[in-house]
Amino acid sequence: MPSLPRIRYQTIEFGDVDIHLRTLRDHMQYLDVDKVAEKLGISSATWPIFGMVWASGRILANYMVDFKIADKRILEVGCGIGLASLVLNHRLADITATDYHPEVEAFLLENVLLNKGRKIPFVRTGWEDKGCALGRFDLVIGSDLLYERGHAELLSQFIDQHAKPHCEVVLVDPGRGNQGRFSKKMTALGYSHTGYKPENITCPELLFKGRILSYFR
């Protein structure tokens, strides 16, 4: 009988805000009961990625600490462990989270309970799913999403499917080489964009070399 994945509890500080997390212990953990993830195309090597805290996710969460959220319906795409969603939930934002991985929802629910927050609406969906009934959003956020060449096309179309006519998109990209391709796709969909390297971050030990990308329509 396979052993359960080892987990870790940690607290990440954002100024005077503490976010408590239940994550996988490391990237060596794996348990795919009934091969659910395998049937979705998720290999044993990529299975643990959802359950870790990555630098891009911390940068995005930090960026959301004082981001203007009033009257905005917000979507986190490819949320993974959902750190940014948890920060926004702490701020009582209207946040919905999505991811393709079958284990994300259970971890997100546990982490919401750890932080004594409101339930975060979650939808398990892939970027190619045309029939997803998420609705449309004022703000779409995500971190480290462009890690394969084909993701530029899929992600841009998914975002456009769920973006209101006037929408802002914020992505944190560590610099995997697909940013330019994605920006061209977004420009073709009517978005202007800017990007910059974050400097005044609360976690300088991350030595983050990527950029925060903002798209507007």
Protein backbone atom coordinates (compact mmCIF):
# COMPACT_ATOMS: atom_id res chain seq x y z
CA MET A 1 0.00 0.00 0.00
CA PRO A 2 1.55 3.38 -1.00
CA SER A 3 2.36 5.77 1.80
CA LEU A 4 0.68 9.14 2.03
CA PRO A 5 2.71 12.16 0.87
CA ARG A 6 4.63 13.90 3.63
CA ILE A 7 3.42 17.39 4.33
CA ARG A 8 4.80 20.56 5.89
CA TYR A 9 3.17 23.35 7.87
CA GLN A 10 4.65 26.82 7.54
CA THR A 11 3.74 30.45 8.01
CA ILE A 12 4.63 33.14 5.48
CA GLU A 13 4.60 36.73 6.68
CA PHE A 14 3.45 39.68 4.59
CA GLY A 15 4.06 42.64 6.85
CA ASP A 16 1.65 42.15 9.74
CA VAL A 17 -0.32 39.47 7.87
CA ASP A 18 0.46 35.81 8.58
CA ILE A 19 -0.64 33.20 6.06
CA HIS A 20 -0.51 29.62 7.34
CA LEU A 21 0.08 26.88 4.80
CA ARG A 22 -0.20 23.13 4.57
CA THR A 23 2.03 22.08 1.66
CA LEU A 24 3.87 19.04 0.41
CA ARG A 25 7.13 18.51 2.24
CA ASP A 26 9.21 18.63 -0.96
CA HIS A 27 9.08 17.95 -4.69
CA MET A 28 9.68 14.22 -4.17
CA GLN A 29 6.17 13.53 -2.84
CA TYR A 30 3.69 11.61 -4.98
CA LEU A 31 0.41 9.74 -4.60
CA ASP A 32 -1.94 9.30 -7.53
CA VAL A 33 -4.84 7.15 -6.30
CA ASP A 34 -6.59 5.35 -9.16
CA LYS A 35 -4.25 7.19 -11.57
CA VAL A 36 -6.55 10.21 -11.61
CA ALA A 37 -3.72 12.66 -12.33
CA GLU A 38 -2.11 10.35 -14.88
CA LYS A 39 -5.38 10.20 -16.83
CA LEU A 40 -5.33 14.02 -16.91
CA GLY A 41 -1.83 13.97 -18.38
CA ILE A 42 -0.02 14.84 -15.13
CA SER A 43 3.16 12.78 -14.76
CA SER A 44 4.78 11.64 -11.51
CA ALA A 45 7.50 14.28 -12.06
CA THR A 46 5.02 17.16 -12.36
CA TRP A 47 2.50 15.87 -9.80
CA PRO A 48 4.13 17.60 -6.75
CA ILE A 49 4.46 21.03 -8.42
CA PHE A 50 1.03 22.20 -7.22
CA GLY A 51 1.85 21.58 -3.56
CA MET A 52 4.99 23.69 -3.16
CA VAL A 53 5.59 27.39 -2.49
CA TRP A 54 7.50 28.83 -5.44
CA ALA A 55 9.26 32.20 -5.72
CA SER A 56 6.82 33.52 -8.33
CA GLY A 57 3.88 32.62 -6.12
CA ARG A 58 5.36 34.53 -3.20
CA ILE A 59 6.00 37.57 -5.39
CA LEU A 60 2.41 37.52 -6.65
CA ALA A 61 1.01 37.11 -3.13
CA ASN A 62 3.13 40.00 -1.90
CA TYR A 63 1.93 42.13 -4.81
CA MET A 64 -1.68 41.41 -3.83
CA VAL A 65 -1.21 42.60 -0.24
CA ASP A 66 -2.05 46.20 -1.14
CA PHE A 67 -3.36 45.86 -4.68
CA LYS A 68 -6.60 47.78 -5.35
CA ILE A 69 -9.37 45.19 -5.17
CA ALA A 70 -12.52 47.19 -4.37
CA ASP A 71 -15.50 46.08 -6.47
CA LYS A 72 -13.36 43.67 -8.48
CA ARG A 73 -14.17 40.07 -9.26
CA ILE A 74 -10.80 38.29 -9.25
CA LEU A 75 -9.65 35.02 -10.77
CA GLU A 76 -6.40 33.21 -9.94
CA VAL A 77 -5.39 30.94 -12.81
CA GLY A 78 -3.24 27.88 -12.09
CA CYS A 79 -3.34 28.68 -8.39
CA GLY A 80 -1.36 25.67 -7.15
CA ILE A 81 -1.12 25.98 -3.39
CA GLY A 82 -3.11 29.23 -3.70
CA LEU A 83 -0.95 31.63 -1.70
CA ALA A 84 -2.13 34.73 -3.56
CA SER A 85 -5.75 33.61 -3.25
CA LEU A 86 -5.29 33.17 0.50
CA VAL A 87 -3.85 36.68 0.83
CA LEU A 88 -6.78 38.11 -1.13
CA ASN A 89 -9.24 36.05 0.89
CA HIS A 90 -7.72 37.52 4.06
CA ARG A 91 -8.52 40.94 2.56
CA LEU A 92 -12.14 39.77 1.95
CA ALA A 93 -11.70 40.06 -1.81
CA ASP A 94 -14.08 38.42 -4.28
CA ILE A 95 -11.58 35.73 -5.32
CA THR A 96 -12.12 32.53 -7.31
CA ALA A 97 -9.31 30.00 -7.83
CA THR A 98 -8.71 27.50 -10.62
CA ASP A 99 -6.21 24.77 -11.35
CA TYR A 100 -6.02 21.58 -13.41
CA HIS A 101 -4.52 19.37 -10.69
CA PRO A 102 -7.00 17.05 -8.90
CA GLU A 103 -5.44 17.60 -5.44
CA VAL A 104 -5.52 21.40 -5.39
CA GLU A 105 -9.07 21.83 -4.14
CA ALA A 106 -8.50 19.69 -1.01
CA PHE A 107 -5.30 21.55 -0.10
CA LEU A 108 -6.97 24.92 -0.69
CA LEU A 109 -9.87 23.98 1.57
CA GLU A 110 -7.47 22.91 4.34
CA ASN A 111 -5.48 26.14 4.01
CA VAL A 112 -8.61 28.29 4.14
CA LEU A 113 -9.52 26.54 7.39
CA LEU A 114 -6.00 27.07 8.76
CA ASN A 115 -6.38 30.78 8.14
CA LYS A 116 -9.96 30.91 9.44
CA GLY A 117 -11.11 32.45 6.17
CA ARG A 118 -14.21 32.28 4.03
CA LYS A 119 -14.48 29.42 1.57
CA ILE A 120 -12.74 30.28 -1.70
CA PRO A 121 -14.77 29.20 -4.75
CA PHE A 122 -12.68 26.72 -6.75
CA VAL A 123 -13.11 25.25 -10.22
CA ARG A 124 -10.89 22.47 -11.55
CA THR A 125 -10.43 23.29 -15.21
CA GLY A 126 -7.88 23.17 -18.01
CA TRP A 127 -7.12 26.14 -20.21
CA GLU A 128 -8.51 24.35 -23.25
CA ASP A 129 -11.89 23.72 -21.57
CA LYS A 130 -14.31 25.86 -23.58
CA GLY A 131 -17.41 24.98 -21.59
CA CYS A 132 -16.14 26.14 -18.19
CA ALA A 133 -18.87 28.21 -16.50
CA LEU A 134 -16.60 30.52 -14.54
CA GLY A 135 -18.07 33.72 -15.85
CA ARG A 136 -16.02 36.88 -16.39
CA PHE A 137 -13.65 38.82 -14.15
CA ASP A 138 -12.26 42.31 -13.63
CA LEU A 139 -8.82 41.05 -12.61
CA VAL A 140 -7.01 37.84 -13.59
CA ILE A 141 -3.80 36.85 -11.78
CA GLY A 142 -1.29 34.02 -11.96
CA SER A 143 2.33 33.04 -11.36
CA ASP A 144 4.84 30.96 -13.34
CA LEU A 145 2.28 29.79 -15.89
CA LEU A 146 4.29 29.98 -19.13
CA TYR A 147 6.59 27.01 -18.62
CA GLU A 148 5.84 25.36 -21.98
CA ARG A 149 5.85 26.86 -25.46
CA GLY A 150 2.21 26.04 -26.18
CA HIS A 151 0.98 27.71 -23.01
CA ALA A 152 1.09 31.19 -24.58
CA GLU A 153 -1.77 30.33 -26.91
CA LEU A 154 -3.80 28.32 -24.40
CA LEU A 155 -3.46 30.80 -21.54
CA SER A 156 -4.21 33.89 -23.61
CA GLN A 157 -7.38 32.29 -24.99
CA PHE A 158 -8.48 31.11 -21.54
CA ILE A 159 -7.95 34.55 -20.04
CA ASP A 160 -9.82 36.25 -22.87
CA GLN A 161 -12.69 33.79 -22.43
CA HIS A 162 -13.09 34.87 -18.80
CA ALA A 163 -12.11 38.54 -18.94
CA LYS A 164 -14.63 41.36 -18.84
CA PRO A 165 -14.43 43.94 -21.67
CA HIS A 166 -12.42 46.14 -19.29
CA CYS A 167 -9.99 43.88 -17.48
CA GLU A 168 -6.53 43.82 -15.92
CA VAL A 169 -4.23 40.78 -15.94
CA VAL A 170 -1.25 40.43 -13.59
CA LEU A 171 1.22 37.59 -14.13
CA VAL A 172 4.50 36.95 -12.35
CA ASP A 173 6.91 35.30 -14.78
CA PRO A 174 10.33 33.94 -13.71
CA GLY A 175 11.70 34.26 -17.25
CA ARG A 176 11.25 30.87 -18.88
CA GLY A 177 11.38 32.36 -22.37
CA ASN A 178 7.71 32.34 -23.39
CA GLN A 179 6.78 35.81 -22.14
CA GLY A 180 7.24 37.53 -25.51
CA ARG A 181 5.06 35.00 -27.32
CA PHE A 182 2.33 35.40 -24.71
CA SER A 183 2.46 39.21 -24.89
CA LYS A 184 2.01 39.08 -28.68
CA LYS A 185 -1.06 36.89 -28.23
CA MET A 186 -2.49 39.31 -25.66
CA THR A 187 -1.80 42.31 -27.89
CA ALA A 188 -3.71 40.61 -30.70
CA LEU A 189 -6.64 40.24 -28.28
CA GLY A 190 -6.67 43.99 -27.61
CA TYR A 191 -4.52 44.29 -24.49
CA SER A 192 -1.76 46.81 -23.84
CA HIS A 193 0.98 45.67 -21.51
CA THR A 194 3.85 46.72 -19.28
CA GLY A 195 6.41 44.78 -17.30
CA TYR A 196 8.99 45.45 -14.66
CA LYS A 197 11.32 43.68 -12.28
CA PRO A 198 10.08 43.86 -8.68
CA GLU A 199 12.56 45.59 -6.41
CA ASN A 200 10.99 46.41 -3.06
CA ILE A 201 9.80 42.92 -2.15
CA THR A 202 9.47 41.46 1.31
CA CYS A 203 11.38 38.29 0.44
CA PRO A 204 14.73 39.41 -1.04
CA GLU A 205 16.24 36.04 -0.20
CA LEU A 206 14.40 34.65 -3.21
CA LEU A 207 16.80 36.44 -5.58
CA PHE A 208 13.95 36.73 -8.05
CA LYS A 209 15.12 37.41 -11.61
CA GLY A 210 11.73 37.50 -13.31
CA ARG A 211 9.18 40.20 -14.00
CA ILE A 212 5.70 41.30 -13.05
CA LEU A 213 3.65 41.55 -16.25
CA SER A 214 0.52 43.71 -16.41
CA TYR A 215 -1.98 43.66 -19.26
CA PHE A 216 -4.89 46.09 -19.64
CA ARG A 217 -7.96 46.23 -21.82
